[in-house]
Amino acid sequence: MAVTARPARWHRNLSAKIAAIPMIATALVVFVGGTAWTVLYSFTNSKLLPRQKFVGLDQYERLWGSAKWIISIQNLAIYGAFSLVFALVVGFLLAALLDQKIRFEDTFRTIFLYPFALSFIVTGLAWQWILNPDFGVQAVVRGMGFESFTFDPLYNPDIVIYGVLIAGLWHETGLIMCLMLAGLRGIDEDIWKAARVDGIPVWKTYLFIVIPMMRGIFVTAVVLIASGIIKVYDLIVAQTGGGPGISSEVPAKYVYDAMFLSQNLGQGFAASTMMLLSVIIVVVPWAYLEFGGKARRV
């Protein structure tokens, strides 16, 4: 009796692979091609229009010699570190509170998630008014009799980035809370019962049992927060415009200003390439540890 040969591996799900060809082609042309084009022209002296006159590392030397770029990097590091930590911690704490089956849970969940439905421009303008010393928080508190109270972060170059951070956290924490709440609702109730029977404190149950089980949720949350950190632009434009002076500049705004205001494409491409390099430095080791380790264990 003849044995039918098994189909070759590449024949499996052939129709799905054919259907994916347009998407793959688009990704290669638009994303990979666009990235390669940006990196290539970052080594040119392109101004208003692209030029193929290569100048080596001149654009990068000028970039790292710019005080505006250095301040942008510092602001991004401050904003990113605090945004990542506080969004995760506050989002998880809010989710843990809502997971206690409190009354009006749907109402609270809607209130906390509502800011995420707004654009960053609307969020930035709203918090620009709230933090305005003439009619915002400072004016309200002084109107209550505390004449010496001062709270004007958007007008103080030393702490302006923290004023932007407040608006960013208000915007994104609700989404993180919903992700965490979904993860908590997926924890088997028997785990909580067993922890109570063993006399394990609630905080230890969260810290050593629940949170490790929610690793995938935390990874997703970190990716979402990190993507927002790298491309933060709208909040800066809406709240401060990069001021006072250049004290609240960020890399994304530097790229926009270089390319469209200064009409220096080469400088904008160099800044974009450095942003891409920073993402690669973070993502590649993480992806290797996350997926390469699993492949070796299998």
C-alpha atoms as a PDB file:
ATOM      1  CA  MET A   1       0.000   0.000   0.000  1.00  0.00           C
ATOM      2  CA  ALA A   2       1.470   3.276  -1.113  1.00  0.00           C
ATOM      3  CA  VAL A   3       2.061   5.902   1.520  1.00  0.00           C
ATOM      4  CA  THR A   4       0.956   9.401   0.576  1.00  0.00           C
ATOM      5  CA  ALA A   5       3.771  11.876   0.986  1.00  0.00           C
ATOM      6  CA  ARG A   6       3.121  14.672   3.443  1.00  0.00           C
ATOM      7  CA  PRO A   7       2.883  18.094   1.819  1.00  0.00           C
ATOM      8  CA  ALA A   8       5.940  20.254   1.984  1.00  0.00           C
ATOM      9  CA  ARG A   9       6.069  22.670   4.901  1.00  0.00           C
ATOM     10  CA  TRP A  10       5.803  25.753   2.676  1.00  0.00           C
ATOM     11  CA  HIS A  11       2.513  24.463   1.228  1.00  0.00           C
ATOM     12  CA  ARG A  12       0.765  24.655   4.594  1.00  0.00           C
ATOM     13  CA  ASN A  13      -1.732  27.528   4.923  1.00  0.00           C
ATOM     14  CA  LEU A  14      -0.769  28.618   1.428  1.00  0.00           C
ATOM     15  CA  SER A  15      -3.853  30.781   0.944  1.00  0.00           C
ATOM     16  CA  ALA A  16      -3.169  32.674   4.181  1.00  0.00           C
ATOM     17  CA  LYS A  17       0.436  33.259   3.141  1.00  0.00           C
ATOM     18  CA  ILE A  18      -0.662  34.566  -0.256  1.00  0.00           C
ATOM     19  CA  ALA A  19      -3.167  36.888   1.417  1.00  0.00           C
ATOM     20  CA  ALA A  20      -0.400  38.257   3.651  1.00  0.00           C
ATOM     21  CA  ILE A  21       1.842  39.216   0.726  1.00  0.00           C
ATOM     22  CA  PRO A  22       0.401  42.775   0.302  1.00  0.00           C
ATOM     23  CA  MET A  23       0.835  43.466   4.014  1.00  0.00           C
ATOM     24  CA  ILE A  24       4.401  42.146   4.006  1.00  0.00           C
ATOM     25  CA  ALA A  25       5.245  44.145   0.886  1.00  0.00           C
ATOM     26  CA  THR A  26       3.802  47.304   2.427  1.00  0.00           C
ATOM     27  CA  ALA A  27       5.784  46.773   5.615  1.00  0.00           C
ATOM     28  CA  LEU A  28       9.011  46.232   3.685  1.00  0.00           C
ATOM     29  CA  VAL A  29       8.527  49.244   1.410  1.00  0.00           C
ATOM     30  CA  VAL A  30       7.041  51.731   3.873  1.00  0.00           C
ATOM     31  CA  PHE A  31       8.665  50.831   7.171  1.00  0.00           C
ATOM     32  CA  VAL A  32      11.936  49.136   6.280  1.00  0.00           C
ATOM     33  CA  GLY A  33      12.468  51.208   3.148  1.00  0.00           C
ATOM     34  CA  GLY A  34      11.520  54.452   4.887  1.00  0.00           C
ATOM     35  CA  THR A  35      13.821  53.677   7.794  1.00  0.00           C
ATOM     36  CA  ALA A  36      16.744  52.877   5.492  1.00  0.00           C
ATOM     37  CA  TRP A  37      16.090  56.074   3.507  1.00  0.00           C
ATOM     38  CA  THR A  38      16.089  58.150   6.712  1.00  0.00           C
ATOM     39  CA  VAL A  39      19.332  56.627   7.965  1.00  0.00           C
ATOM     40  CA  LEU A  40      21.012  57.063   4.576  1.00  0.00           C
ATOM     41  CA  TYR A  41      20.108  60.740   4.230  1.00  0.00           C
ATOM     42  CA  SER A  42      21.159  61.490   7.795  1.00  0.00           C
ATOM     43  CA  PHE A  43      24.715  61.402   6.424  1.00  0.00           C
ATOM     44  CA  THR A  44      23.973  64.120   3.847  1.00  0.00           C
ATOM     45  CA  ASN A  45      23.657  67.905   4.039  1.00  0.00           C
ATOM     46  CA  SER A  46      20.018  67.830   2.926  1.00  0.00           C
ATOM     47  CA  LYS A  47      18.223  71.087   3.621  1.00  0.00           C
ATOM     48  CA  LEU A  48      14.742  71.861   2.287  1.00  0.00           C
ATOM     49  CA  LEU A  49      14.980  68.951  -0.180  1.00  0.00           C
ATOM     50  CA  PRO A  50      16.998  65.713  -0.013  1.00  0.00           C
ATOM     51  CA  ARG A  51      20.535  65.913  -1.419  1.00  0.00           C
ATOM     52  CA  GLN A  52      22.924  63.089  -2.167  1.00  0.00           C
ATOM     53  CA  LYS A  53      25.963  65.026  -1.001  1.00  0.00           C
ATOM     54  CA  PHE A  54      27.383  62.965   1.843  1.00  0.00           C
ATOM     55  CA  VAL A  55      29.093  64.763   4.721  1.00  0.00           C
ATOM     56  CA  GLY A  56      29.914  61.787   6.948  1.00  0.00           C
ATOM     57  CA  LEU A  57      29.115  62.280  10.639  1.00  0.00           C
ATOM     58  CA  ASP A  58      28.802  66.079  10.447  1.00  0.00           C
ATOM     59  CA  GLN A  59      25.077  66.029  11.191  1.00  0.00           C
ATOM     60  CA  TYR A  60      25.605  63.826  14.244  1.00  0.00           C
ATOM     61  CA  GLU A  61      28.441  66.002  15.545  1.00  0.00           C
ATOM     62  CA  ARG A  62      26.236  69.067  15.163  1.00  0.00           C
ATOM     63  CA  LEU A  63      23.363  67.193  16.816  1.00  0.00           C
ATOM     64  CA  TRP A  64      25.298  66.210  19.932  1.00  0.00           C
ATOM     65  CA  GLY A  65      26.841  69.664  20.098  1.00  0.00           C
ATOM     66  CA  SER A  66      23.378  71.252  20.317  1.00  0.00           C
ATOM     67  CA  ALA A  67      22.192  72.307  23.786  1.00  0.00           C
ATOM     68  CA  LYS A  68      18.610  71.904  22.591  1.00  0.00           C
ATOM     69  CA  TRP A  69      19.180  68.230  21.758  1.00  0.00           C
ATOM     70  CA  ILE A  70      20.942  67.516  25.062  1.00  0.00           C
ATOM     71  CA  ILE A  71      18.065  69.084  27.002  1.00  0.00           C
ATOM     72  CA  SER A  72      15.620  67.072  24.885  1.00  0.00           C
ATOM     73  CA  ILE A  73      17.354  63.819  25.848  1.00  0.00           C
ATOM     74  CA  GLN A  74      17.443  64.773  29.528  1.00  0.00           C
ATOM     75  CA  ASN A  75      13.748  65.670  29.508  1.00  0.00           C
ATOM     76  CA  LEU A  76      12.830  62.445  27.768  1.00  0.00           C
ATOM     77  CA  ALA A  77      14.794  60.433  30.344  1.00  0.00           C
ATOM     78  CA  ILE A  78      13.062  62.195  33.250  1.00  0.00           C
ATOM     79  CA  TYR A  79       9.620  62.014  31.686  1.00  0.00           C
ATOM     80  CA  GLY A  80      10.114  58.397  30.629  1.00  0.00           C
ATOM     81  CA  ALA A  81      11.386  57.099  33.972  1.00  0.00           C
ATOM     82  CA  PHE A  82       8.665  58.732  36.065  1.00  0.00           C
ATOM     83  CA  SER A  83       5.932  58.005  33.527  1.00  0.00           C
ATOM     84  CA  LEU A  84       6.808  54.311  33.357  1.00  0.00           C
ATOM     85  CA  VAL A  85       7.012  53.821  37.118  1.00  0.00           C
ATOM     86  CA  PHE A  86       4.019  55.903  38.165  1.00  0.00           C
ATOM     87  CA  ALA A  87       1.724  54.697  35.372  1.00  0.00           C
ATOM     88  CA  LEU A  88       2.396  51.058  36.286  1.00  0.00           C
ATOM     89  CA  VAL A  89       2.153  51.571  40.061  1.00  0.00           C
ATOM     90  CA  VAL A  90      -0.893  53.855  40.061  1.00  0.00           C
ATOM     91  CA  GLY A  91      -2.625  51.828  37.354  1.00  0.00           C
ATOM     92  CA  PHE A  92      -2.132  48.597  39.293  1.00  0.00           C
ATOM     93  CA  LEU A  93      -3.266  50.130  42.594  1.00  0.00           C
ATOM     94  CA  LEU A  94      -6.433  51.509  41.000  1.00  0.00           C
ATOM     95  CA  ALA A  95      -7.107  48.131  39.389  1.00  0.00           C
ATOM     96  CA  ALA A  96      -6.580  46.356  42.720  1.00  0.00           C
ATOM     97  CA  LEU A  97      -9.082  48.698  44.401  1.00  0.00           C
ATOM     98  CA  LEU A  98     -11.688  48.215  41.676  1.00  0.00           C
ATOM     99  CA  ASP A  99     -11.155  44.459  41.852  1.00  0.00           C
ATOM    100  CA  GLN A 100     -12.628  44.480  45.372  1.00  0.00           C
ATOM    101  CA  LYS A 101     -16.132  44.566  43.829  1.00  0.00           C
ATOM    102  CA  ILE A 102     -16.812  48.062  45.113  1.00  0.00           C
ATOM    103  CA  ARG A 103     -20.082  49.881  44.510  1.00  0.00           C
ATOM    104  CA  PHE A 104     -20.340  51.999  41.365  1.00  0.00           C
ATOM    105  CA  GLU A 105     -17.385  50.169  39.851  1.00  0.00           C
ATOM    106  CA  ASP A 106     -18.563  50.862  36.308  1.00  0.00           C
ATOM    107  CA  THR A 107     -18.821  54.572  37.068  1.00  0.00           C
ATOM    108  CA  PHE A 108     -15.326  54.761  38.538  1.00  0.00           C
ATOM    109  CA  ARG A 109     -13.884  52.723  35.668  1.00  0.00           C
ATOM    110  CA  THR A 110     -15.457  55.117  33.159  1.00  0.00           C
ATOM    111  CA  ILE A 111     -14.154  58.169  35.014  1.00  0.00           C
ATOM    112  CA  PHE A 112     -10.618  56.821  35.167  1.00  0.00           C
ATOM    113  CA  LEU A 113     -10.609  55.698  31.527  1.00  0.00           C
ATOM    114  CA  TYR A 114     -12.230  58.855  30.122  1.00  0.00           C
ATOM    115  CA  PRO A 115      -8.976  60.889  29.825  1.00  0.00           C
ATOM    116  CA  PHE A 116      -7.563  58.289  27.440  1.00  0.00           C
ATOM    117  CA  ALA A 117     -10.444  59.009  25.044  1.00  0.00           C
ATOM    118  CA  LEU A 118      -9.175  62.581  24.673  1.00  0.00           C
ATOM    119  CA  SER A 119      -6.374  63.532  22.319  1.00  0.00           C
ATOM    120  CA  PHE A 120      -3.042  64.655  23.725  1.00  0.00           C
ATOM    121  CA  ILE A 121      -3.720  68.138  22.352  1.00  0.00           C
ATOM    122  CA  VAL A 122      -6.961  68.443  24.332  1.00  0.00           C
ATOM    123  CA  THR A 123      -5.267  66.977  27.412  1.00  0.00           C
ATOM    124  CA  GLY A 124      -2.354  69.397  27.114  1.00  0.00           C
ATOM    125  CA  LEU A 125      -4.591  72.441  26.671  1.00  0.00           C
ATOM    126  CA  ALA A 126      -6.788  71.397  29.607  1.00  0.00           C
ATOM    127  CA  TRP A 127      -3.799  71.016  31.920  1.00  0.00           C
ATOM    128  CA  GLN A 128      -2.290  74.234  30.627  1.00  0.00           C
ATOM    129  CA  TRP A 129      -5.362  75.986  32.045  1.00  0.00           C
ATOM    130  CA  ILE A 130      -5.342  73.952  35.259  1.00  0.00           C
ATOM    131  CA  LEU A 131      -1.670  74.737  35.933  1.00  0.00           C
ATOM    132  CA  ASN A 132      -1.898  78.379  34.881  1.00  0.00           C
ATOM    133  CA  PRO A 133      -0.986  80.494  37.949  1.00  0.00           C
ATOM    134  CA  ASP A 134      -3.493  83.246  37.080  1.00  0.00           C
ATOM    135  CA  PHE A 135      -6.665  81.137  37.063  1.00  0.00           C
ATOM    136  CA  GLY A 136      -5.600  77.546  37.783  1.00  0.00           C
ATOM    137  CA  VAL A 137      -4.735  75.637  40.947  1.00  0.00           C
ATOM    138  CA  GLN A 138      -2.526  78.408  42.309  1.00  0.00           C
ATOM    139  CA  ALA A 139      -5.231  81.058  41.889  1.00  0.00           C
ATOM    140  CA  VAL A 140      -7.885  78.839  43.506  1.00  0.00           C
ATOM    141  CA  VAL A 141      -5.737  78.051  46.561  1.00  0.00           C
ATOM    142  CA  ARG A 142      -4.722  81.677  46.980  1.00  0.00           C
ATOM    143  CA  GLY A 143      -8.374  82.638  46.756  1.00  0.00           C
ATOM    144  CA  MET A 144      -8.961  80.389  49.775  1.00  0.00           C
ATOM    145  CA  GLY A 145      -6.614  82.580  51.833  1.00  0.00           C
ATOM    146  CA  PHE A 146      -3.230  80.918  51.259  1.00  0.00           C
ATOM    147  CA  GLU A 147      -1.575  83.930  49.650  1.00  0.00           C
ATOM    148  CA  SER A 148       1.942  82.474  49.734  1.00  0.00           C
ATOM    149  CA  PHE A 149       0.986  79.269  47.894  1.00  0.00           C
ATOM    150  CA  THR A 150       2.936  78.834  44.641  1.00  0.00           C
ATOM    151  CA  PHE A 151       2.282  76.161  42.027  1.00  0.00           C
ATOM    152  CA  ASP A 152       3.338  77.141  38.515  1.00  0.00           C
ATOM    153  CA  PRO A 153       5.367  74.213  37.080  1.00  0.00           C
ATOM    154  CA  LEU A 154       4.791  75.185  33.457  1.00  0.00           C
ATOM    155  CA  TYR A 155       6.425  78.570  34.045  1.00  0.00           C
ATOM    156  CA  ASN A 156       9.426  77.293  35.990  1.00  0.00           C
ATOM    157  CA  PRO A 157      12.205  75.982  33.713  1.00  0.00           C
ATOM    158  CA  ASP A 158      13.587  73.778  36.497  1.00  0.00           C
ATOM    159  CA  ILE A 159      10.381  71.730  36.952  1.00  0.00           C
ATOM    160  CA  VAL A 160       8.436  72.311  33.747  1.00  0.00           C
ATOM    161  CA  ILE A 161       8.872  68.706  32.596  1.00  0.00           C
ATOM    162  CA  TYR A 162       7.097  67.554  35.764  1.00  0.00           C
ATOM    163  CA  GLY A 163       4.102  69.694  34.836  1.00  0.00           C
ATOM    164  CA  VAL A 164       3.985  67.880  31.501  1.00  0.00           C
ATOM    165  CA  LEU A 165       4.352  64.584  33.376  1.00  0.00           C
ATOM    166  CA  ILE A 166       1.199  65.292  35.408  1.00  0.00           C
ATOM    167  CA  ALA A 167      -0.848  65.638  32.230  1.00  0.00           C
ATOM    168  CA  GLY A 168       0.737  62.533  30.706  1.00  0.00           C
ATOM    169  CA  LEU A 169      -0.044  60.390  33.741  1.00  0.00           C
ATOM    170  CA  TRP A 170      -3.619  61.688  33.883  1.00  0.00           C
ATOM    171  CA  HIS A 171      -4.046  60.689  30.238  1.00  0.00           C
ATOM    172  CA  GLU A 172      -2.549  57.190  30.247  1.00  0.00           C
ATOM    173  CA  THR A 173      -3.113  55.777  33.733  1.00  0.00           C
ATOM    174  CA  GLY A 174      -6.737  54.860  33.027  1.00  0.00           C
ATOM    175  CA  LEU A 175      -5.764  52.557  30.162  1.00  0.00           C
ATOM    176  CA  ILE A 176      -3.120  50.846  32.290  1.00  0.00           C
ATOM    177  CA  MET A 177      -5.715  50.430  35.043  1.00  0.00           C
ATOM    178  CA  CYS A 178      -8.099  48.671  32.639  1.00  0.00           C
ATOM    179  CA  LEU A 179      -5.341  46.316  31.435  1.00  0.00           C
ATOM    180  CA  MET A 180      -4.391  45.477  35.014  1.00  0.00           C
ATOM    181  CA  LEU A 181      -8.020  44.981  36.000  1.00  0.00           C
ATOM    182  CA  ALA A 182      -8.509  42.547  33.132  1.00  0.00           C
ATOM    183  CA  GLY A 183      -5.442  40.634  34.319  1.00  0.00           C
ATOM    184  CA  LEU A 184      -6.658  40.556  37.931  1.00  0.00           C
ATOM    185  CA  ARG A 185     -10.072  39.284  36.837  1.00  0.00           C
ATOM    186  CA  GLY A 186      -8.289  36.421  35.082  1.00  0.00           C
ATOM    187  CA  ILE A 187      -6.677  35.186  38.317  1.00  0.00           C
ATOM    188  CA  ASP A 188      -8.337  32.000  39.580  1.00  0.00           C
ATOM    189  CA  GLU A 189     -10.374  32.616  42.732  1.00  0.00           C
ATOM    190  CA  ASP A 190      -8.966  29.408  44.224  1.00  0.00           C
ATOM    191  CA  ILE A 191      -5.557  31.104  44.448  1.00  0.00           C
ATOM    192  CA  TRP A 192      -6.993  33.817  46.689  1.00  0.00           C
ATOM    193  CA  LYS A 193      -8.783  31.240  48.808  1.00  0.00           C
ATOM    194  CA  ALA A 194      -5.629  29.164  49.228  1.00  0.00           C
ATOM    195  CA  ALA A 195      -3.638  32.276  50.199  1.00  0.00           C
ATOM    196  CA  ARG A 196      -6.230  33.192  52.846  1.00  0.00           C
ATOM    197  CA  VAL A 197      -6.261  29.651  54.222  1.00  0.00           C
ATOM    198  CA  ASP A 198      -2.447  29.682  54.490  1.00  0.00           C
ATOM    199  CA  GLY A 199      -2.590  33.032  56.271  1.00  0.00           C
ATOM    200  CA  ILE A 200      -0.582  34.889  53.595  1.00  0.00           C
ATOM    201  CA  PRO A 201      -1.043  38.679  53.874  1.00  0.00           C
ATOM    202  CA  VAL A 202      -2.847  40.335  50.981  1.00  0.00           C
ATOM    203  CA  TRP A 203       0.156  42.436  49.981  1.00  0.00           C
ATOM    204  CA  LYS A 204       2.374  39.346  49.800  1.00  0.00           C
ATOM    205  CA  THR A 205      -0.250  37.557  47.716  1.00  0.00           C
ATOM    206  CA  TYR A 206      -0.180  40.429  45.238  1.00  0.00           C
ATOM    207  CA  LEU A 207       3.592  40.812  45.257  1.00  0.00           C
ATOM    208  CA  PHE A 208       4.749  37.190  45.096  1.00  0.00           C
ATOM    209  CA  ILE A 209       1.826  35.366  43.471  1.00  0.00           C
ATOM    210  CA  VAL A 210      -0.513  37.628  41.513  1.00  0.00           C
ATOM    211  CA  ILE A 211       1.975  40.002  39.881  1.00  0.00           C
ATOM    212  CA  PRO A 212       4.254  37.198  38.549  1.00  0.00           C
ATOM    213  CA  MET A 213       1.158  35.568  37.046  1.00  0.00           C
ATOM    214  CA  MET A 214       0.340  38.853  35.274  1.00  0.00           C
ATOM    215  CA  ARG A 215       3.722  39.085  33.565  1.00  0.00           C
ATOM    216  CA  GLY A 216       2.181  39.250  30.086  1.00  0.00           C
ATOM    217  CA  ILE A 217      -0.104  42.114  31.124  1.00  0.00           C
ATOM    218  CA  PHE A 218       2.836  44.061  32.535  1.00  0.00           C
ATOM    219  CA  VAL A 219       4.851  43.537  29.355  1.00  0.00           C
ATOM    220  CA  THR A 220       1.948  44.845  27.268  1.00  0.00           C
ATOM    221  CA  ALA A 221       1.565  47.855  29.555  1.00  0.00           C
ATOM    222  CA  VAL A 222       5.289  48.636  29.390  1.00  0.00           C
ATOM    223  CA  VAL A 223       5.249  48.480  25.578  1.00  0.00           C
ATOM    224  CA  LEU A 224       2.269  50.863  25.404  1.00  0.00           C
ATOM    225  CA  ILE A 225       3.801  53.302  27.874  1.00  0.00           C
ATOM    226  CA  ALA A 226       7.219  53.191  26.213  1.00  0.00           C
ATOM    227  CA  SER A 227       5.762  53.873  22.769  1.00  0.00           C
ATOM    228  CA  GLY A 228       3.998  56.928  24.164  1.00  0.00           C
ATOM    229  CA  ILE A 229       7.187  58.130  25.856  1.00  0.00           C
ATOM    230  CA  ILE A 230       9.337  57.947  22.722  1.00  0.00           C
ATOM    231  CA  LYS A 231       6.879  59.872  20.548  1.00  0.00           C
ATOM    232  CA  VAL A 232       5.718  62.425  23.146  1.00  0.00           C
ATOM    233  CA  TYR A 233       5.141  65.596  21.176  1.00  0.00           C
ATOM    234  CA  ASP A 234       1.519  66.713  21.398  1.00  0.00           C
ATOM    235  CA  LEU A 235       1.618  67.397  25.136  1.00  0.00           C
ATOM    236  CA  ILE A 236       4.713  69.573  24.804  1.00  0.00           C
ATOM    237  CA  VAL A 237       3.277  71.602  21.944  1.00  0.00           C
ATOM    238  CA  ALA A 238      -0.082  72.068  23.656  1.00  0.00           C
ATOM    239  CA  GLN A 239       1.241  72.878  27.130  1.00  0.00           C
ATOM    240  CA  THR A 240       4.548  74.686  26.749  1.00  0.00           C
ATOM    241  CA  GLY A 241       5.615  74.858  23.102  1.00  0.00           C
ATOM    242  CA  GLY A 242       9.024  73.741  24.327  1.00  0.00           C
ATOM    243  CA  GLY A 243       9.376  76.635  26.785  1.00  0.00           C
ATOM    244  CA  PRO A 244      10.187  78.436  28.905  1.00  0.00           C
ATOM    245  CA  GLY A 245      13.043  78.908  26.470  1.00  0.00           C
ATOM    246  CA  ILE A 246      14.062  75.379  25.492  1.00  0.00           C
ATOM    247  CA  SER A 247      13.592  73.857  28.949  1.00  0.00           C
ATOM    248  CA  SER A 248      10.804  71.438  27.925  1.00  0.00           C
ATOM    249  CA  GLU A 249      12.078  70.321  24.538  1.00  0.00           C
ATOM    250  CA  VAL A 250      11.849  66.609  23.642  1.00  0.00           C
ATOM    251  CA  PRO A 251      13.431  64.641  20.765  1.00  0.00           C
ATOM    252  CA  ALA A 252      10.225  64.326  18.722  1.00  0.00           C
ATOM    253  CA  LYS A 253       9.788  68.097  18.757  1.00  0.00           C
ATOM    254  CA  TYR A 254      13.452  68.584  17.908  1.00  0.00           C
ATOM    255  CA  VAL A 255      12.973  66.415  14.809  1.00  0.00           C
ATOM    256  CA  TYR A 256       9.873  68.372  13.745  1.00  0.00           C
ATOM    257  CA  ASP A 257      11.552  71.738  14.281  1.00  0.00           C
ATOM    258  CA  ALA A 258      14.690  70.711  12.395  1.00  0.00           C
ATOM    259  CA  MET A 259      12.810  69.328   9.398  1.00  0.00           C
ATOM    260  CA  PHE A 260       9.945  71.793   8.996  1.00  0.00           C
ATOM    261  CA  LEU A 261      10.904  75.005  10.801  1.00  0.00           C
ATOM    262  CA  SER A 262      14.664  75.092  10.209  1.00  0.00           C
ATOM    263  CA  GLN A 263      14.263  73.246   6.871  1.00  0.00           C
ATOM    264  CA  ASN A 264      17.242  71.041   7.696  1.00  0.00           C
ATOM    265  CA  LEU A 265      16.278  67.528   6.672  1.00  0.00           C
ATOM    266  CA  GLY A 266      19.725  66.111   7.352  1.00  0.00           C
ATOM    267  CA  GLN A 267      19.657  67.252  10.971  1.00  0.00           C
ATOM    268  CA  GLY A 268      16.111  65.961  11.427  1.00  0.00           C
ATOM    269  CA  PHE A 269      17.084  62.606   9.911  1.00  0.00           C
ATOM    270  CA  ALA A 270      20.098  62.372  12.237  1.00  0.00           C
ATOM    271  CA  ALA A 271      17.895  63.013  15.277  1.00  0.00           C
ATOM    272  CA  SER A 272      15.362  60.452  14.025  1.00  0.00           C
ATOM    273  CA  THR A 273      18.128  57.902  13.577  1.00  0.00           C
ATOM    274  CA  MET A 274      19.327  58.425  17.142  1.00  0.00           C
ATOM    275  CA  MET A 275      15.758  57.892  18.403  1.00  0.00           C
ATOM    276  CA  LEU A 276      15.574  54.691  16.351  1.00  0.00           C
ATOM    277  CA  LEU A 277      18.915  53.548  17.735  1.00  0.00           C
ATOM    278  CA  SER A 278      17.722  54.069  21.311  1.00  0.00           C
ATOM    279  CA  VAL A 279      14.661  51.918  20.630  1.00  0.00           C
ATOM    280  CA  ILE A 280      16.801  49.169  19.071  1.00  0.00           C
ATOM    281  CA  ILE A 281      19.181  49.175  22.055  1.00  0.00           C
ATOM    282  CA  VAL A 282      16.234  48.506  24.358  1.00  0.00           C
ATOM    283  CA  VAL A 283      14.091  46.214  22.200  1.00  0.00           C
ATOM    284  CA  VAL A 284      16.703  43.838  20.733  1.00  0.00           C
ATOM    285  CA  PRO A 285      18.158  42.585  24.061  1.00  0.00           C
ATOM    286  CA  TRP A 286      14.649  42.256  25.502  1.00  0.00           C
ATOM    287  CA  ALA A 287      13.407  40.318  22.462  1.00  0.00           C
ATOM    288  CA  TYR A 288      16.466  38.038  22.603  1.00  0.00           C
ATOM    289  CA  LEU A 289      15.940  37.270  26.295  1.00  0.00           C
ATOM    290  CA  GLU A 290      12.185  36.902  25.873  1.00  0.00           C
ATOM    291  CA  PHE A 291      12.030  34.732  22.761  1.00  0.00           C
ATOM    292  CA  GLY A 292      15.570  33.401  22.321  1.00  0.00           C
ATOM    293  CA  GLY A 293      15.576  31.887  25.803  1.00  0.00           C
ATOM    294  CA  LYS A 294      12.258  30.159  25.181  1.00  0.00           C
ATOM    295  CA  ALA A 295      13.513  28.725  21.884  1.00  0.00           C
ATOM    296  CA  ARG A 296      16.585  27.269  23.615  1.00  0.00           C
ATOM    297  CA  ARG A 297      14.472  25.750  26.387  1.00  0.00           C
ATOM    298  CA  VAL A 298      12.179  24.136  23.854  1.00  0.00           C
END
